[in-house]
Amino acid sequence: MWCVSLERARRAGFISRTKKMVFGPPHESSIMISRNYFTFPFYLPRICRLWSNWPEYLVNYLLRRSTPAEYRMRNGTKLIDGSGDSAGTLAVVFVRREYGCLERFRTIVDIGANMGSFAVYAAQSCPDARIYCYEPEELNFGLLRRNIGVNGLEGRVATFQCAVASRSGRRDLVVGESLLNSFHIASAGSSIQTVDCTTLRDIFVRQELDIIDLLKINCEGAEYEILEGCSSADFDRIANIRLEYHNLDAPRRDGDSLSRFLQDRGYSIERFTRYSSTSGFIWAARTIHASTVLLLALCPEMLLAF
């Protein structure tokens, strides 16, 4: 059991032999903080404080049980895990807090909403926020709707059963045995679902959004085509981006290239976190230029968007 627990904790980032955290642009003199130590005990008190049924959560997390579960927070929030193996996803959002503090955001777009863990976290963090969730896979979308409903968030969280891509239409989605699905990454035991796709440009238009305060992306490799499909005008209206990147076996499909891409489009990299040779997190914030400062001086109410 101990070996299984160690391996499970290592996969989710609680234990690492080689992983490092990088704060700041990857090609500048960033501070490197080694994570070559056993960090699980550090998070254990937080897990116990967070979940009222923390023993069940820990068992499912460490043993990766594939039975449905309902996790209950001490503040009354509930999260339904239909497959029983989403405890690691909940750890990323609620325990390790990879998406950070969100209190200042009012309009949030969640691409790759999965079972709704980030949407619930964002709704808790931002009582005044309106959240738009996009999740194409049928079972995940059902869980997303259930988790939004059981927490009474229907009035603030809108859900859409479609993927976000570089163009609208229908695409084949690779559905894995876990709740993680992708256009670009296949795995053993995967199947195919044909899903509807939209674009960020369509989201701006259909939801009548002037600005997106936070764009969250976790879509298993589709982050590149989504962002490359945006125009300069689109980026001007996206204040912050926080995403999980996935390195693909293709040119300019890695975290470093994506970081440079965002910098070239006017973003500063607030955080660049490498957890392995294949994935990590990027936080990007829109740089405010002189023309924007002048506009804010003339229209101070727009400060709420930044």
C-alpha atoms as a PDB file:
ATOM      1  CA  MET A   1       0.000   0.000   0.000  1.00  0.00           C
ATOM      2  CA  TRP A   2       2.851   2.385   0.817  1.00  0.00           C
ATOM      3  CA  CYS A   3       4.371   1.925  -2.638  1.00  0.00           C
ATOM      4  CA  VAL A   4       1.007   2.575  -4.257  1.00  0.00           C
ATOM      5  CA  SER A   5       0.557   5.672  -2.103  1.00  0.00           C
ATOM      6  CA  LEU A   6       3.989   7.016  -2.996  1.00  0.00           C
ATOM      7  CA  GLU A   7       3.388   6.521  -6.696  1.00  0.00           C
ATOM      8  CA  ARG A   8      -0.065   8.130  -6.526  1.00  0.00           C
ATOM      9  CA  ALA A   9       1.292  11.125  -4.643  1.00  0.00           C
ATOM     10  CA  ARG A  10       4.190  11.443  -7.105  1.00  0.00           C
ATOM     11  CA  ARG A  11       1.846  11.531 -10.104  1.00  0.00           C
ATOM     12  CA  ALA A  12      -0.104  14.457  -8.679  1.00  0.00           C
ATOM     13  CA  GLY A  13       2.953  16.459  -7.708  1.00  0.00           C
ATOM     14  CA  PHE A  14       3.034  15.928  -3.945  1.00  0.00           C
ATOM     15  CA  ILE A  15       6.338  14.044  -4.366  1.00  0.00           C
ATOM     16  CA  SER A  16       8.980  14.858  -6.929  1.00  0.00           C
ATOM     17  CA  ARG A  17      12.522  13.748  -7.658  1.00  0.00           C
ATOM     18  CA  THR A  18      13.183  16.102 -10.550  1.00  0.00           C
ATOM     19  CA  LYS A  19      10.449  18.731 -10.645  1.00  0.00           C
ATOM     20  CA  LYS A  20      11.138  22.430 -10.218  1.00  0.00           C
ATOM     21  CA  MET A  21       9.023  25.541  -9.932  1.00  0.00           C
ATOM     22  CA  VAL A  22      10.007  28.481 -12.093  1.00  0.00           C
ATOM     23  CA  PHE A  23       8.661  31.921 -11.290  1.00  0.00           C
ATOM     24  CA  GLY A  24       8.972  34.494 -14.052  1.00  0.00           C
ATOM     25  CA  PRO A  25       9.773  34.199 -17.755  1.00  0.00           C
ATOM     26  CA  PRO A  26      11.629  30.951 -18.450  1.00  0.00           C
ATOM     27  CA  HIS A  27      14.480  32.592 -20.364  1.00  0.00           C
ATOM     28  CA  GLU A  28      15.251  35.326 -17.854  1.00  0.00           C
ATOM     29  CA  SER A  29      17.065  35.118 -14.517  1.00  0.00           C
ATOM     30  CA  SER A  30      14.145  33.454 -12.761  1.00  0.00           C
ATOM     31  CA  ILE A  31      14.290  32.073  -9.249  1.00  0.00           C
ATOM     32  CA  MET A  32      14.415  28.281  -9.281  1.00  0.00           C
ATOM     33  CA  ILE A  33      12.856  26.543  -6.276  1.00  0.00           C
ATOM     34  CA  SER A  34      13.654  22.851  -6.069  1.00  0.00           C
ATOM     35  CA  ARG A  35      10.858  20.491  -5.123  1.00  0.00           C
ATOM     36  CA  ASN A  36      13.110  17.466  -4.532  1.00  0.00           C
ATOM     37  CA  TYR A  37      11.564  16.664  -1.194  1.00  0.00           C
ATOM     38  CA  PHE A  38       8.571  14.863   0.184  1.00  0.00           C
ATOM     39  CA  THR A  39       5.812  17.477   0.268  1.00  0.00           C
ATOM     40  CA  PHE A  40       2.790  15.357   1.043  1.00  0.00           C
ATOM     41  CA  PRO A  41       2.867  16.058   4.827  1.00  0.00           C
ATOM     42  CA  PHE A  42       2.813  19.780   4.036  1.00  0.00           C
ATOM     43  CA  TYR A  43      -0.567  19.421   2.323  1.00  0.00           C
ATOM     44  CA  LEU A  44      -2.096  16.930   4.748  1.00  0.00           C
ATOM     45  CA  PRO A  45      -3.287  19.551   7.297  1.00  0.00           C
ATOM     46  CA  ARG A  46      -4.858  21.538   4.470  1.00  0.00           C
ATOM     47  CA  ILE A  47      -6.653  18.428   3.206  1.00  0.00           C
ATOM     48  CA  CYS A  48      -8.010  17.733   6.698  1.00  0.00           C
ATOM     49  CA  ARG A  49      -9.168  21.335   7.101  1.00  0.00           C
ATOM     50  CA  LEU A  50     -10.748  21.425   3.656  1.00  0.00           C
ATOM     51  CA  TRP A  51     -12.734  18.172   3.475  1.00  0.00           C
ATOM     52  CA  SER A  52     -15.134  17.067   6.199  1.00  0.00           C
ATOM     53  CA  ASN A  53     -14.864  13.493   4.866  1.00  0.00           C
ATOM     54  CA  TRP A  54     -11.102  13.730   4.387  1.00  0.00           C
ATOM     55  CA  PRO A  55     -10.428  10.030   5.185  1.00  0.00           C
ATOM     56  CA  GLU A  56     -12.548   9.000   2.187  1.00  0.00           C
ATOM     57  CA  TYR A  57     -10.843  11.623   0.034  1.00  0.00           C
ATOM     58  CA  LEU A  58      -7.370  10.416   1.038  1.00  0.00           C
ATOM     59  CA  VAL A  59      -8.204   6.769   0.412  1.00  0.00           C
ATOM     60  CA  ASN A  60      -9.583   7.545  -3.047  1.00  0.00           C
ATOM     61  CA  TYR A  61      -6.681   9.858  -3.799  1.00  0.00           C
ATOM     62  CA  LEU A  62      -3.882   7.543  -2.735  1.00  0.00           C
ATOM     63  CA  LEU A  63      -5.394   4.303  -4.017  1.00  0.00           C
ATOM     64  CA  ARG A  64      -7.068   5.865  -7.065  1.00  0.00           C
ATOM     65  CA  ARG A  65     -10.290   3.991  -6.534  1.00  0.00           C
ATOM     66  CA  SER A  66     -12.694   3.916  -9.474  1.00  0.00           C
ATOM     67  CA  THR A  67     -15.954   4.114  -7.542  1.00  0.00           C
ATOM     68  CA  PRO A  68     -18.279   7.155  -7.430  1.00  0.00           C
ATOM     69  CA  ALA A  69     -17.738   9.479  -4.488  1.00  0.00           C
ATOM     70  CA  GLU A  70     -19.084  12.688  -3.011  1.00  0.00           C
ATOM     71  CA  TYR A  71     -16.564  14.961  -1.336  1.00  0.00           C
ATOM     72  CA  ARG A  72     -17.894  17.406   1.245  1.00  0.00           C
ATOM     73  CA  MET A  73     -16.113  20.573   2.286  1.00  0.00           C
ATOM     74  CA  ARG A  74     -16.426  22.008   5.759  1.00  0.00           C
ATOM     75  CA  ASN A  75     -18.032  25.145   4.299  1.00  0.00           C
ATOM     76  CA  GLY A  76     -20.906  23.054   2.898  1.00  0.00           C
ATOM     77  CA  THR A  77     -19.678  22.759  -0.690  1.00  0.00           C
ATOM     78  CA  LYS A  78     -20.124  19.348  -2.314  1.00  0.00           C
ATOM     79  CA  LEU A  79     -18.322  17.867  -5.301  1.00  0.00           C
ATOM     80  CA  ILE A  80     -19.589  14.716  -6.965  1.00  0.00           C
ATOM     81  CA  ASP A  81     -16.942  12.498  -8.547  1.00  0.00           C
ATOM     82  CA  GLY A  82     -18.696  10.101 -10.870  1.00  0.00           C
ATOM     83  CA  SER A  83     -15.666   7.936 -11.599  1.00  0.00           C
ATOM     84  CA  GLY A  84     -13.907   8.069  -8.250  1.00  0.00           C
ATOM     85  CA  ASP A  85     -10.535   9.040  -9.760  1.00  0.00           C
ATOM     86  CA  SER A  86     -10.869  12.838  -9.742  1.00  0.00           C
ATOM     87  CA  ALA A  87      -9.355  13.333  -6.294  1.00  0.00           C
ATOM     88  CA  GLY A  88      -6.117  14.375  -8.033  1.00  0.00           C
ATOM     89  CA  THR A  89      -7.949  17.033 -10.051  1.00  0.00           C
ATOM     90  CA  LEU A  90      -9.472  18.382  -6.845  1.00  0.00           C
ATOM     91  CA  ALA A  91      -5.994  18.471  -5.301  1.00  0.00           C
ATOM     92  CA  VAL A  92      -4.711  20.635  -8.162  1.00  0.00           C
ATOM     93  CA  VAL A  93      -7.518  23.170  -7.730  1.00  0.00           C
ATOM     94  CA  PHE A  94      -8.320  23.219  -4.005  1.00  0.00           C
ATOM     95  CA  VAL A  95      -5.250  21.795  -2.238  1.00  0.00           C
ATOM     96  CA  ARG A  96      -2.280  22.965  -4.316  1.00  0.00           C
ATOM     97  CA  ARG A  97      -4.268  25.984  -5.592  1.00  0.00           C
ATOM     98  CA  GLU A  98      -2.530  26.032  -8.945  1.00  0.00           C
ATOM     99  CA  TYR A  99      -4.876  28.741 -10.246  1.00  0.00           C
ATOM    100  CA  GLY A 100      -4.134  31.082  -7.350  1.00  0.00           C
ATOM    101  CA  CYS A 101      -6.329  33.714  -5.742  1.00  0.00           C
ATOM    102  CA  LEU A 102      -9.204  34.892  -7.910  1.00  0.00           C
ATOM    103  CA  GLU A 103     -11.038  37.487  -5.806  1.00  0.00           C
ATOM    104  CA  ARG A 104     -10.666  40.389  -8.234  1.00  0.00           C
ATOM    105  CA  PHE A 105     -12.132  38.703 -11.320  1.00  0.00           C
ATOM    106  CA  ARG A 106     -15.705  39.326 -12.452  1.00  0.00           C
ATOM    107  CA  THR A 107     -15.901  37.615 -15.850  1.00  0.00           C
ATOM    108  CA  ILE A 108     -14.281  34.174 -16.038  1.00  0.00           C
ATOM    109  CA  VAL A 109     -14.207  31.763 -18.978  1.00  0.00           C
ATOM    110  CA  ASP A 110     -13.374  28.151 -18.090  1.00  0.00           C
ATOM    111  CA  ILE A 111     -12.181  26.094 -21.078  1.00  0.00           C
ATOM    112  CA  GLY A 112     -11.961  22.423 -20.213  1.00  0.00           C
ATOM    113  CA  ALA A 113     -14.343  22.657 -17.268  1.00  0.00           C
ATOM    114  CA  ASN A 114     -14.263  18.886 -16.672  1.00  0.00           C
ATOM    115  CA  MET A 115     -16.393  17.966 -13.621  1.00  0.00           C
ATOM    116  CA  GLY A 116     -16.605  21.604 -12.488  1.00  0.00           C
ATOM    117  CA  SER A 117     -13.933  21.735  -9.794  1.00  0.00           C
ATOM    118  CA  PHE A 118     -12.427  25.013 -11.027  1.00  0.00           C
ATOM    119  CA  ALA A 119     -15.857  26.557 -11.645  1.00  0.00           C
ATOM    120  CA  VAL A 120     -16.902  25.829  -8.058  1.00  0.00           C
ATOM    121  CA  TYR A 121     -13.560  27.139  -6.769  1.00  0.00           C
ATOM    122  CA  ALA A 122     -13.925  30.325  -8.822  1.00  0.00           C
ATOM    123  CA  ALA A 123     -17.517  30.827  -7.669  1.00  0.00           C
ATOM    124  CA  GLN A 124     -16.402  30.457  -4.046  1.00  0.00           C
ATOM    125  CA  SER A 125     -13.499  32.862  -4.532  1.00  0.00           C
ATOM    126  CA  CYS A 126     -15.408  35.495  -6.532  1.00  0.00           C
ATOM    127  CA  PRO A 127     -18.949  36.007  -5.192  1.00  0.00           C
ATOM    128  CA  ASP A 128     -19.695  38.614  -7.880  1.00  0.00           C
ATOM    129  CA  ALA A 129     -18.201  36.730 -10.823  1.00  0.00           C
ATOM    130  CA  ARG A 130     -20.054  35.395 -13.843  1.00  0.00           C
ATOM    131  CA  ILE A 131     -18.447  32.148 -15.021  1.00  0.00           C
ATOM    132  CA  TYR A 132     -18.797  30.552 -18.475  1.00  0.00           C
ATOM    133  CA  CYS A 133     -17.854  26.848 -18.598  1.00  0.00           C
ATOM    134  CA  TYR A 134     -17.079  24.854 -21.751  1.00  0.00           C
ATOM    135  CA  GLU A 135     -16.828  21.063 -21.567  1.00  0.00           C
ATOM    136  CA  PRO A 136     -17.463  18.802 -24.590  1.00  0.00           C
ATOM    137  CA  GLU A 137     -17.359  15.278 -23.158  1.00  0.00           C
ATOM    138  CA  GLU A 138     -20.767  13.862 -22.285  1.00  0.00           C
ATOM    139  CA  LEU A 139     -20.034  12.284 -18.885  1.00  0.00           C
ATOM    140  CA  ASN A 140     -17.903  15.204 -17.730  1.00  0.00           C
ATOM    141  CA  PHE A 141     -20.589  17.663 -18.777  1.00  0.00           C
ATOM    142  CA  GLY A 142     -23.179  15.742 -16.778  1.00  0.00           C
ATOM    143  CA  LEU A 143     -20.949  15.921 -13.698  1.00  0.00           C
ATOM    144  CA  LEU A 144     -20.326  19.611 -14.333  1.00  0.00           C
ATOM    145  CA  ARG A 145     -24.058  20.304 -14.362  1.00  0.00           C
ATOM    146  CA  ARG A 146     -24.599  18.234 -11.214  1.00  0.00           C
ATOM    147  CA  ASN A 147     -21.829  19.983  -9.297  1.00  0.00           C
ATOM    148  CA  ILE A 148     -23.065  23.407 -10.315  1.00  0.00           C
ATOM    149  CA  GLY A 149     -26.616  22.437  -9.345  1.00  0.00           C
ATOM    150  CA  VAL A 150     -25.858  20.781  -6.004  1.00  0.00           C
ATOM    151  CA  ASN A 151     -24.051  23.950  -4.902  1.00  0.00           C
ATOM    152  CA  GLY A 152     -26.805  26.295  -6.076  1.00  0.00           C
ATOM    153  CA  LEU A 153     -24.613  28.095  -8.610  1.00  0.00           C
ATOM    154  CA  GLU A 154     -26.905  27.994 -11.655  1.00  0.00           C
ATOM    155  CA  GLY A 155     -27.484  31.743 -11.459  1.00  0.00           C
ATOM    156  CA  ARG A 156     -23.781  32.593 -11.767  1.00  0.00           C
ATOM    157  CA  VAL A 157     -22.282  29.706 -13.730  1.00  0.00           C
ATOM    158  CA  ALA A 158     -23.330  29.049 -17.338  1.00  0.00           C
ATOM    159  CA  THR A 159     -22.434  25.668 -18.856  1.00  0.00           C
ATOM    160  CA  PHE A 160     -22.001  24.781 -22.528  1.00  0.00           C
ATOM    161  CA  GLN A 161     -21.468  21.286 -23.910  1.00  0.00           C
ATOM    162  CA  CYS A 162     -18.903  22.067 -26.570  1.00  0.00           C
ATOM    163  CA  ALA A 163     -15.161  22.264 -27.047  1.00  0.00           C
ATOM    164  CA  VAL A 164     -13.197  25.427 -27.764  1.00  0.00           C
ATOM    165  CA  ALA A 165     -10.842  25.211 -30.740  1.00  0.00           C
ATOM    166  CA  SER A 166      -9.286  27.318 -33.495  1.00  0.00           C
ATOM    167  CA  ARG A 167     -12.460  27.097 -35.598  1.00  0.00           C
ATOM    168  CA  SER A 168     -16.107  26.217 -35.164  1.00  0.00           C
ATOM    169  CA  GLY A 169     -17.529  22.921 -36.382  1.00  0.00           C
ATOM    170  CA  ARG A 170     -17.436  19.309 -35.299  1.00  0.00           C
ATOM    171  CA  ARG A 171     -14.305  17.410 -34.275  1.00  0.00           C
ATOM    172  CA  ASP A 172     -13.343  13.990 -32.960  1.00  0.00           C
ATOM    173  CA  LEU A 173     -12.445  14.049 -29.268  1.00  0.00           C
ATOM    174  CA  VAL A 174     -10.210  11.318 -27.833  1.00  0.00           C
ATOM    175  CA  VAL A 175     -11.909  10.116 -24.644  1.00  0.00           C
ATOM    176  CA  GLY A 176      -9.589   8.364 -22.193  1.00  0.00           C
ATOM    177  CA  GLU A 177     -10.395   6.020 -19.348  1.00  0.00           C
ATOM    178  CA  SER A 178     -10.052   8.887 -16.862  1.00  0.00           C
ATOM    179  CA  LEU A 179     -11.929  12.201 -16.995  1.00  0.00           C
ATOM    180  CA  LEU A 180      -9.136  13.795 -19.073  1.00  0.00           C
ATOM    181  CA  ASN A 181      -9.844  14.013 -22.803  1.00  0.00           C
ATOM    182  CA  SER A 182      -8.037  15.580 -25.745  1.00  0.00           C
ATOM    183  CA  PHE A 183      -7.991  16.431 -29.442  1.00  0.00           C
ATOM    184  CA  HIS A 184      -4.253  15.769 -29.536  1.00  0.00           C
ATOM    185  CA  ILE A 185      -3.281  13.141 -26.949  1.00  0.00           C
ATOM    186  CA  ALA A 186      -4.377   9.504 -27.304  1.00  0.00           C
ATOM    187  CA  SER A 187      -3.927   6.767 -24.706  1.00  0.00           C
ATOM    188  CA  ALA A 188      -4.546   3.059 -24.352  1.00  0.00           C
ATOM    189  CA  GLY A 189      -8.206   2.215 -23.918  1.00  0.00           C
ATOM    190  CA  SER A 190      -9.393   5.519 -25.383  1.00  0.00           C
ATOM    191  CA  SER A 191     -12.471   5.992 -27.551  1.00  0.00           C
ATOM    192  CA  ILE A 192     -13.793   8.722 -29.841  1.00  0.00           C
ATOM    193  CA  GLN A 193     -16.663  11.183 -29.399  1.00  0.00           C
ATOM    194  CA  THR A 194     -17.644  13.672 -32.095  1.00  0.00           C
ATOM    195  CA  VAL A 195     -18.257  17.019 -30.405  1.00  0.00           C
ATOM    196  CA  ASP A 196     -19.294  20.555 -31.293  1.00  0.00           C
ATOM    197  CA  CYS A 197     -16.589  23.238 -31.259  1.00  0.00           C
ATOM    198  CA  THR A 198     -16.666  26.982 -30.801  1.00  0.00           C
ATOM    199  CA  THR A 199     -13.938  29.652 -30.706  1.00  0.00           C
ATOM    200  CA  LEU A 200     -12.991  32.408 -28.300  1.00  0.00           C
ATOM    201  CA  ARG A 201     -14.180  34.933 -30.870  1.00  0.00           C
ATOM    202  CA  ASP A 202     -17.593  33.237 -30.890  1.00  0.00           C
ATOM    203  CA  ILE A 203     -17.665  33.288 -27.089  1.00  0.00           C
ATOM    204  CA  PHE A 204     -17.102  37.051 -27.037  1.00  0.00           C
ATOM    205  CA  VAL A 205     -19.927  37.558 -29.527  1.00  0.00           C
ATOM    206  CA  ARG A 206     -22.498  35.058 -28.269  1.00  0.00           C
ATOM    207  CA  GLN A 207     -22.067  35.906 -24.590  1.00  0.00           C
ATOM    208  CA  GLU A 208     -21.815  39.645 -25.337  1.00  0.00           C
ATOM    209  CA  LEU A 209     -18.575  40.009 -23.387  1.00  0.00           C
ATOM    210  CA  ASP A 210     -16.613  43.248 -23.452  1.00  0.00           C
ATOM    211  CA  ILE A 211     -13.685  41.767 -21.561  1.00  0.00           C
ATOM    212  CA  ILE A 212     -12.620  38.465 -20.034  1.00  0.00           C
ATOM    213  CA  ASP A 213     -10.984  39.124 -16.664  1.00  0.00           C
ATOM    214  CA  LEU A 214      -9.656  35.566 -16.447  1.00  0.00           C
ATOM    215  CA  LEU A 215      -9.340  32.925 -19.143  1.00  0.00           C
ATOM    216  CA  LYS A 216      -8.663  29.514 -17.585  1.00  0.00           C
ATOM    217  CA  ILE A 217      -7.551  26.743 -19.962  1.00  0.00           C
ATOM    218  CA  ASN A 218      -6.928  23.075 -19.234  1.00  0.00           C
ATOM    219  CA  CYS A 219      -7.701  21.116 -22.372  1.00  0.00           C
ATOM    220  CA  GLU A 220      -4.938  18.527 -22.779  1.00  0.00           C
ATOM    221  CA  GLY A 221      -3.003  20.046 -25.677  1.00  0.00           C
ATOM    222  CA  ALA A 222      -5.635  22.188 -27.417  1.00  0.00           C
ATOM    223  CA  GLU A 223      -4.348  25.334 -25.689  1.00  0.00           C
ATOM    224  CA  TYR A 224      -2.030  26.081 -28.626  1.00  0.00           C
ATOM    225  CA  GLU A 225      -4.631  26.153 -31.376  1.00  0.00           C
ATOM    226  CA  ILE A 226      -7.121  28.004 -29.165  1.00  0.00           C
ATOM    227  CA  LEU A 227      -4.719  30.860 -28.480  1.00  0.00           C
ATOM    228  CA  GLU A 228      -3.247  30.896 -31.984  1.00  0.00           C
ATOM    229  CA  GLY A 229      -6.782  31.318 -33.299  1.00  0.00           C
ATOM    230  CA  CYS A 230      -7.200  34.601 -31.394  1.00  0.00           C
ATOM    231  CA  SER A 231      -6.758  37.958 -33.077  1.00  0.00           C
ATOM    232  CA  SER A 232      -4.920  40.922 -31.589  1.00  0.00           C
ATOM    233  CA  ALA A 233      -8.302  42.454 -30.804  1.00  0.00           C
ATOM    234  CA  ASP A 234      -9.259  39.320 -28.875  1.00  0.00           C
ATOM    235  CA  PHE A 235      -6.084  39.430 -26.793  1.00  0.00           C
ATOM    236  CA  ASP A 236      -6.716  43.116 -26.057  1.00  0.00           C
ATOM    237  CA  ARG A 237      -9.900  41.994 -24.279  1.00  0.00           C
ATOM    238  CA  ILE A 238      -8.401  39.131 -22.240  1.00  0.00           C
ATOM    239  CA  ALA A 239      -6.824  40.566 -19.093  1.00  0.00           C
ATOM    240  CA  ASN A 240      -5.422  37.380 -17.536  1.00  0.00           C
ATOM    241  CA  ILE A 241      -4.728  33.832 -18.719  1.00  0.00           C
ATOM    242  CA  ARG A 242      -4.013  30.922 -16.387  1.00  0.00           C
ATOM    243  CA  LEU A 243      -3.512  27.586 -18.056  1.00  0.00           C
ATOM    244  CA  GLU A 244      -1.999  24.154 -17.813  1.00  0.00           C
ATOM    245  CA  TYR A 245       0.265  23.527 -20.790  1.00  0.00           C
ATOM    246  CA  HIS A 246       1.054  20.128 -22.285  1.00  0.00           C
ATOM    247  CA  ASN A 247       4.188  19.585 -24.354  1.00  0.00           C
ATOM    248  CA  LEU A 248       3.370  17.866 -27.642  1.00  0.00           C
ATOM    249  CA  ASP A 249       5.668  16.159 -30.119  1.00  0.00           C
ATOM    250  CA  ALA A 250       5.500  19.016 -32.620  1.00  0.00           C
ATOM    251  CA  PRO A 251       7.345  22.298 -33.273  1.00  0.00           C
ATOM    252  CA  ARG A 252       6.397  25.195 -30.967  1.00  0.00           C
ATOM    253  CA  ARG A 253       4.088  22.992 -28.918  1.00  0.00           C
ATOM    254  CA  ASP A 254       5.720  23.339 -25.516  1.00  0.00           C
ATOM    255  CA  GLY A 255       5.535  25.581 -22.478  1.00  0.00           C
ATOM    256  CA  ASP A 256       8.519  27.746 -23.409  1.00  0.00           C
ATOM    257  CA  SER A 257       7.136  28.459 -26.882  1.00  0.00           C
ATOM    258  CA  LEU A 258       3.694  29.218 -25.465  1.00  0.00           C
ATOM    259  CA  SER A 259       5.210  31.599 -22.933  1.00  0.00           C
ATOM    260  CA  ARG A 260       7.052  33.479 -25.703  1.00  0.00           C
ATOM    261  CA  PHE A 261       3.879  33.519 -27.804  1.00  0.00           C
ATOM    262  CA  LEU A 262       1.964  35.235 -25.001  1.00  0.00           C
ATOM    263  CA  GLN A 263       4.766  37.707 -24.339  1.00  0.00           C
ATOM    264  CA  ASP A 264       4.802  38.636 -28.023  1.00  0.00           C
ATOM    265  CA  ARG A 265       1.116  39.490 -27.680  1.00  0.00           C
ATOM    266  CA  GLY A 266       1.536  41.876 -24.792  1.00  0.00           C
ATOM    267  CA  TYR A 267       1.411  39.635 -21.739  1.00  0.00           C
ATOM    268  CA  SER A 268       3.836  39.454 -18.866  1.00  0.00           C
ATOM    269  CA  ILE A 269       4.474  35.995 -17.446  1.00  0.00           C
ATOM    270  CA  GLU A 270       3.624  36.182 -13.758  1.00  0.00           C
ATOM    271  CA  ARG A 271       4.304  32.534 -13.071  1.00  0.00           C
ATOM    272  CA  PHE A 272       5.814  29.675 -15.038  1.00  0.00           C
ATOM    273  CA  THR A 273       5.687  26.340 -13.209  1.00  0.00           C
ATOM    274  CA  ARG A 274       7.271  23.175 -14.571  1.00  0.00           C
ATOM    275  CA  TYR A 275       6.077  19.988 -12.949  1.00  0.00           C
ATOM    276  CA  SER A 276       7.593  17.566 -15.410  1.00  0.00           C
ATOM    277  CA  SER A 277       9.155  17.434 -18.852  1.00  0.00           C
ATOM    278  CA  THR A 278       5.659  17.348 -20.378  1.00  0.00           C
ATOM    279  CA  SER A 279       3.422  19.753 -18.448  1.00  0.00           C
ATOM    280  CA  GLY A 280       3.175  22.757 -16.162  1.00  0.00           C
ATOM    281  CA  PHE A 281       1.265  25.968 -15.462  1.00  0.00           C
ATOM    282  CA  ILE A 282       1.517  29.462 -16.930  1.00  0.00           C
ATOM    283  CA  TRP A 283      -0.031  32.619 -15.511  1.00  0.00           C
ATOM    284  CA  ALA A 284      -0.029  35.548 -17.956  1.00  0.00           C
ATOM    285  CA  ALA A 285      -1.267  39.087 -17.319  1.00  0.00           C
ATOM    286  CA  ARG A 286      -1.954  41.708 -19.936  1.00  0.00           C
ATOM    287  CA  THR A 287       0.542  44.569 -19.910  1.00  0.00           C
ATOM    288  CA  ILE A 288      -1.147  47.965 -19.634  1.00  0.00           C
ATOM    289  CA  HIS A 289       0.261  50.372 -22.226  1.00  0.00           C
ATOM    290  CA  ALA A 290       0.243  54.177 -22.159  1.00  0.00           C
ATOM    291  CA  SER A 291      -2.880  54.384 -24.324  1.00  0.00           C
ATOM    292  CA  THR A 292      -4.708  52.158 -21.868  1.00  0.00           C
ATOM    293  CA  VAL A 293      -3.593  54.297 -18.931  1.00  0.00           C
ATOM    294  CA  LEU A 294      -5.051  57.348 -20.688  1.00  0.00           C
ATOM    295  CA  LEU A 295      -8.309  55.500 -21.340  1.00  0.00           C
ATOM    296  CA  LEU A 296      -8.529  54.450 -17.689  1.00  0.00           C
ATOM    297  CA  ALA A 297      -7.984  58.044 -16.635  1.00  0.00           C
ATOM    298  CA  LEU A 298     -10.927  59.092 -18.803  1.00  0.00           C
ATOM    299  CA  CYS A 299     -13.095  56.104 -17.784  1.00  0.00           C
ATOM    300  CA  PRO A 300     -12.038  55.077 -14.239  1.00  0.00           C
ATOM    301  CA  GLU A 301     -14.849  52.545 -13.973  1.00  0.00           C
ATOM    302  CA  MET A 302     -12.847  50.349 -16.370  1.00  0.00           C
ATOM    303  CA  LEU A 303     -10.325  49.778 -13.572  1.00  0.00           C
ATOM    304  CA  LEU A 304     -12.649  47.046 -12.348  1.00  0.00           C
ATOM    305  CA  ALA A 305     -11.628  44.979 -15.365  1.00  0.00           C
ATOM    306  CA  PHE A 306      -7.932  44.943 -14.456  1.00  0.00           C
END
